[in-house]
């Protein structure tokens, strides 16, 4: 399998529809209209043009993607997905490594990721990537 992950495969607007295809192939992947509509993703990509990546197979189909961003002080990984048929090949780890490398080069001191508590596979993955659980925070949000 050919996996191309380079600057020319930074996620862009033309990848959004295939990106949705990847997300829907991933059982348990949650999308919310408020955050993940096409306009919201386009806005996110404009604000974070260098920290979102895709991986394609030989046929040009997106089989892995990661969305990360920062505010100049803190960084966060928002969505990471690998096609179920392509898992176990190191694609997710490669994507995370690319994001970490990019954020480090920008000069950011850390990166966070939110994982649903009941997503055992996701939590196991992030644990293997070196992400520690923080017990001193409660995640809260206010829909606008």
C-alpha atoms as a PDB file:
ATOM      1  CA  UNK A   1       0.000   0.000   0.000  1.00  0.00           C
ATOM      2  CA  UNK A   2       1.335   3.400  -0.970  1.00  0.00           C
ATOM      3  CA  UNK A   3       0.959   5.948   1.802  1.00  0.00           C
ATOM      4  CA  UNK A   4       1.798   9.465   0.808  1.00  0.00           C
ATOM      5  CA  UNK A   5       1.982  11.912   3.664  1.00  0.00           C
ATOM      6  CA  UNK A   6       3.740  15.094   2.725  1.00  0.00           C
ATOM      7  CA  UNK A   7       3.220  18.811   2.514  1.00  0.00           C
ATOM      8  CA  UNK A   8       1.242  18.360  -0.691  1.00  0.00           C
ATOM      9  CA  UNK A   9      -1.145  16.121   1.246  1.00  0.00           C
ATOM     10  CA  UNK A  10      -2.011  18.653   3.872  1.00  0.00           C
ATOM     11  CA  UNK A  11      -5.789  18.423   4.189  1.00  0.00           C
ATOM     12  CA  UNK A  12      -7.587  21.000   2.067  1.00  0.00           C
ATOM     13  CA  UNK A  13     -11.103  21.988   1.003  1.00  0.00           C
ATOM     14  CA  UNK A  14     -11.308  19.458  -1.835  1.00  0.00           C
ATOM     15  CA  UNK A  15     -10.725  16.651   0.695  1.00  0.00           C
ATOM     16  CA  UNK A  16     -13.782  17.433   2.846  1.00  0.00           C
ATOM     17  CA  UNK A  17     -16.312  15.145   1.108  1.00  0.00           C
ATOM     18  CA  UNK A  18     -13.874  12.171   0.990  1.00  0.00           C
ATOM     19  CA  UNK A  19     -12.990  12.987   4.607  1.00  0.00           C
ATOM     20  CA  UNK A  20     -16.653  12.594   5.572  1.00  0.00           C
ATOM     21  CA  UNK A  21     -16.591   9.247   3.757  1.00  0.00           C
ATOM     22  CA  UNK A  22     -13.686   8.116   5.933  1.00  0.00           C
ATOM     23  CA  UNK A  23     -15.370   9.316   9.107  1.00  0.00           C
ATOM     24  CA  UNK A  24     -18.596   7.443   8.300  1.00  0.00           C
ATOM     25  CA  UNK A  25     -16.653   4.216   7.697  1.00  0.00           C
ATOM     26  CA  UNK A  26     -15.272   4.401  11.254  1.00  0.00           C
ATOM     27  CA  UNK A  27     -17.679   2.837  13.753  1.00  0.00           C
ATOM     28  CA  UNK A  28     -18.075   4.995  16.831  1.00  0.00           C
ATOM     29  CA  UNK A  29     -16.699   8.117  15.163  1.00  0.00           C
ATOM     30  CA  UNK A  30     -18.861  11.007  16.287  1.00  0.00           C
ATOM     31  CA  UNK A  31     -19.625  14.028  14.176  1.00  0.00           C
ATOM     32  CA  UNK A  32     -21.750  16.904  15.313  1.00  0.00           C
ATOM     33  CA  UNK A  33     -23.507  19.314  12.974  1.00  0.00           C
ATOM     34  CA  UNK A  34     -22.368  22.279  15.048  1.00  0.00           C
ATOM     35  CA  UNK A  35     -18.642  21.423  14.765  1.00  0.00           C
ATOM     36  CA  UNK A  36     -18.261  19.211  11.748  1.00  0.00           C
ATOM     37  CA  UNK A  37     -20.392  20.730   9.007  1.00  0.00           C
ATOM     38  CA  UNK A  38     -18.590  21.587   5.782  1.00  0.00           C
ATOM     39  CA  UNK A  39     -18.383  25.319   6.565  1.00  0.00           C
ATOM     40  CA  UNK A  40     -16.934  24.636  10.032  1.00  0.00           C
ATOM     41  CA  UNK A  41     -14.268  22.333   8.596  1.00  0.00           C
ATOM     42  CA  UNK A  42     -13.370  24.877   5.904  1.00  0.00           C
ATOM     43  CA  UNK A  43     -13.005  27.579   8.575  1.00  0.00           C
ATOM     44  CA  UNK A  44     -10.873  25.251  10.691  1.00  0.00           C
ATOM     45  CA  UNK A  45      -8.579  24.478   7.746  1.00  0.00           C
ATOM     46  CA  UNK A  46      -8.133  28.189   7.000  1.00  0.00           C
ATOM     47  CA  UNK A  47      -7.089  28.812  10.619  1.00  0.00           C
ATOM     48  CA  UNK A  48      -4.873  25.707  10.728  1.00  0.00           C
ATOM     49  CA  UNK A  49      -3.509  25.214   7.214  1.00  0.00           C
ATOM     50  CA  UNK A  50      -0.373  23.299   8.203  1.00  0.00           C
ATOM     51  CA  UNK A  51      -1.556  20.909  10.924  1.00  0.00           C
ATOM     52  CA  UNK A  52      -4.175  18.733   9.227  1.00  0.00           C
ATOM     53  CA  UNK A  53      -3.088  15.748   7.139  1.00  0.00           C
ATOM     54  CA  UNK A  54      -4.511  12.918   5.056  1.00  0.00           C
ATOM     55  CA  UNK A  55      -3.138   9.582   3.939  1.00  0.00           C
ATOM     56  CA  UNK A  56      -4.254   7.909   0.718  1.00  0.00           C
ATOM     57  CA  UNK A  57      -4.121   4.372  -0.637  1.00  0.00           C
ATOM     58  CA  UNK A  58      -2.953   3.384  -4.142  1.00  0.00           C
ATOM     59  CA  UNK A  59      -6.324   4.380  -5.596  1.00  0.00           C
ATOM     60  CA  UNK A  60      -6.225   7.892  -4.106  1.00  0.00           C
ATOM     61  CA  UNK A  61      -8.867   7.104  -1.486  1.00  0.00           C
ATOM     62  CA  UNK A  62      -8.372   8.808   1.872  1.00  0.00           C
ATOM     63  CA  UNK A  63      -7.711   6.070   4.436  1.00  0.00           C
ATOM     64  CA  UNK A  64      -6.382   8.201   7.272  1.00  0.00           C
ATOM     65  CA  UNK A  65      -6.789  11.754   8.477  1.00  0.00           C
ATOM     66  CA  UNK A  66      -5.923  13.950  11.413  1.00  0.00           C
ATOM     67  CA  UNK A  67      -7.156  17.432  12.261  1.00  0.00           C
ATOM     68  CA  UNK A  68      -5.119  19.474  14.707  1.00  0.00           C
ATOM     69  CA  UNK A  69      -4.963  23.148  15.504  1.00  0.00           C
ATOM     70  CA  UNK A  70      -3.579  25.710  17.866  1.00  0.00           C
ATOM     71  CA  UNK A  71      -4.209  29.147  19.236  1.00  0.00           C
ATOM     72  CA  UNK A  72      -0.529  30.076  19.369  1.00  0.00           C
ATOM     73  CA  UNK A  73      -0.308  28.944  22.994  1.00  0.00           C
ATOM     74  CA  UNK A  74      -1.952  25.525  23.151  1.00  0.00           C
ATOM     75  CA  UNK A  75      -2.619  22.871  20.584  1.00  0.00           C
ATOM     76  CA  UNK A  76      -5.228  20.174  20.256  1.00  0.00           C
ATOM     77  CA  UNK A  77      -5.943  17.164  18.076  1.00  0.00           C
ATOM     78  CA  UNK A  78      -9.622  17.179  17.189  1.00  0.00           C
ATOM     79  CA  UNK A  79     -10.236  14.229  14.897  1.00  0.00           C
ATOM     80  CA  UNK A  80      -8.079  11.255  14.005  1.00  0.00           C
ATOM     81  CA  UNK A  81      -9.405   8.414  11.888  1.00  0.00           C
ATOM     82  CA  UNK A  82      -8.038   5.425  10.011  1.00  0.00           C
ATOM     83  CA  UNK A  83     -10.172   3.323   7.699  1.00  0.00           C
ATOM     84  CA  UNK A  84     -11.087   0.064   9.484  1.00  0.00           C
ATOM     85  CA  UNK A  85      -9.632  -1.957   6.578  1.00  0.00           C
ATOM     86  CA  UNK A  86      -6.287  -0.130   6.879  1.00  0.00           C
ATOM     87  CA  UNK A  87      -5.771  -0.355  10.623  1.00  0.00           C
ATOM     88  CA  UNK A  88      -2.808  -2.089  12.205  1.00  0.00           C
ATOM     89  CA  UNK A  89      -0.343  -0.698   9.650  1.00  0.00           C
ATOM     90  CA  UNK A  90       0.925   2.266  11.671  1.00  0.00           C
ATOM     91  CA  UNK A  91      -1.072   4.881   9.761  1.00  0.00           C
ATOM     92  CA  UNK A  92      -2.567   6.452  12.896  1.00  0.00           C
ATOM     93  CA  UNK A  93       0.811   6.573  14.616  1.00  0.00           C
ATOM     94  CA  UNK A  94       2.364   8.129  11.518  1.00  0.00           C
ATOM     95  CA  UNK A  95      -0.328  10.822  11.407  1.00  0.00           C
ATOM     96  CA  UNK A  96       0.079  11.594  15.102  1.00  0.00           C
ATOM     97  CA  UNK A  97       3.854  11.734  14.674  1.00  0.00           C
ATOM     98  CA  UNK A  98       3.502  14.170  11.794  1.00  0.00           C
ATOM     99  CA  UNK A  99       1.214  16.438  13.820  1.00  0.00           C
ATOM    100  CA  UNK A 100       3.464  16.314  16.890  1.00  0.00           C
ATOM    101  CA  UNK A 101       6.505  17.119  14.734  1.00  0.00           C
ATOM    102  CA  UNK A 102       4.681  20.029  13.075  1.00  0.00           C
ATOM    103  CA  UNK A 103       3.375  21.477  16.353  1.00  0.00           C
ATOM    104  CA  UNK A 104       6.818  21.141  17.933  1.00  0.00           C
ATOM    105  CA  UNK A 105       8.343  23.014  14.966  1.00  0.00           C
ATOM    106  CA  UNK A 106       5.814  25.819  15.466  1.00  0.00           C
ATOM    107  CA  UNK A 107       7.075  26.062  19.051  1.00  0.00           C
ATOM    108  CA  UNK A 108       4.051  24.794  20.944  1.00  0.00           C
ATOM    109  CA  UNK A 109       4.792  23.181  24.322  1.00  0.00           C
ATOM    110  CA  UNK A 110       2.095  20.478  24.362  1.00  0.00           C
ATOM    111  CA  UNK A 111      -0.846  18.970  22.536  1.00  0.00           C
ATOM    112  CA  UNK A 112      -4.091  17.611  23.958  1.00  0.00           C
ATOM    113  CA  UNK A 113      -6.702  15.216  22.621  1.00  0.00           C
ATOM    114  CA  UNK A 114     -10.187  14.425  23.874  1.00  0.00           C
ATOM    115  CA  UNK A 115     -11.344  10.807  23.692  1.00  0.00           C
ATOM    116  CA  UNK A 116     -14.766   9.546  24.791  1.00  0.00           C
ATOM    117  CA  UNK A 117     -14.368   7.593  28.027  1.00  0.00           C
ATOM    118  CA  UNK A 118     -16.122   4.545  26.575  1.00  0.00           C
ATOM    119  CA  UNK A 119     -13.923   4.383  23.458  1.00  0.00           C
ATOM    120  CA  UNK A 120     -11.586   1.633  24.664  1.00  0.00           C
ATOM    121  CA  UNK A 121      -9.775   1.212  21.346  1.00  0.00           C
ATOM    122  CA  UNK A 122      -9.253   4.961  21.022  1.00  0.00           C
ATOM    123  CA  UNK A 123      -8.005   5.324  24.573  1.00  0.00           C
ATOM    124  CA  UNK A 124      -5.631   2.377  24.108  1.00  0.00           C
ATOM    125  CA  UNK A 125      -4.306   4.003  20.917  1.00  0.00           C
ATOM    126  CA  UNK A 126      -3.653   7.361  22.580  1.00  0.00           C
ATOM    127  CA  UNK A 127      -2.028   5.662  25.559  1.00  0.00           C
ATOM    128  CA  UNK A 128       0.385   3.917  23.157  1.00  0.00           C
ATOM    129  CA  UNK A 129       1.147   7.315  21.586  1.00  0.00           C
ATOM    130  CA  UNK A 130       2.284   8.593  24.988  1.00  0.00           C
ATOM    131  CA  UNK A 131      -0.751  10.743  25.814  1.00  0.00           C
ATOM    132  CA  UNK A 132      -1.452  10.697  29.559  1.00  0.00           C
ATOM    133  CA  UNK A 133      -4.842  11.024  31.230  1.00  0.00           C
ATOM    134  CA  UNK A 134      -5.298  14.195  33.256  1.00  0.00           C
ATOM    135  CA  UNK A 135      -7.372  13.681  36.358  1.00  0.00           C
ATOM    136  CA  UNK A 136      -7.217  17.337  37.399  1.00  0.00           C
ATOM    137  CA  UNK A 137      -9.574  18.644  34.678  1.00  0.00           C
ATOM    138  CA  UNK A 138     -13.243  18.370  33.854  1.00  0.00           C
ATOM    139  CA  UNK A 139     -14.007  19.076  30.203  1.00  0.00           C
ATOM    140  CA  UNK A 140     -16.946  21.454  29.795  1.00  0.00           C
ATOM    141  CA  UNK A 141     -18.513  23.189  26.822  1.00  0.00           C
ATOM    142  CA  UNK A 142     -21.211  25.702  26.037  1.00  0.00           C
ATOM    143  CA  UNK A 143     -22.886  25.359  22.628  1.00  0.00           C
ATOM    144  CA  UNK A 144     -23.237  28.799  21.046  1.00  0.00           C
END
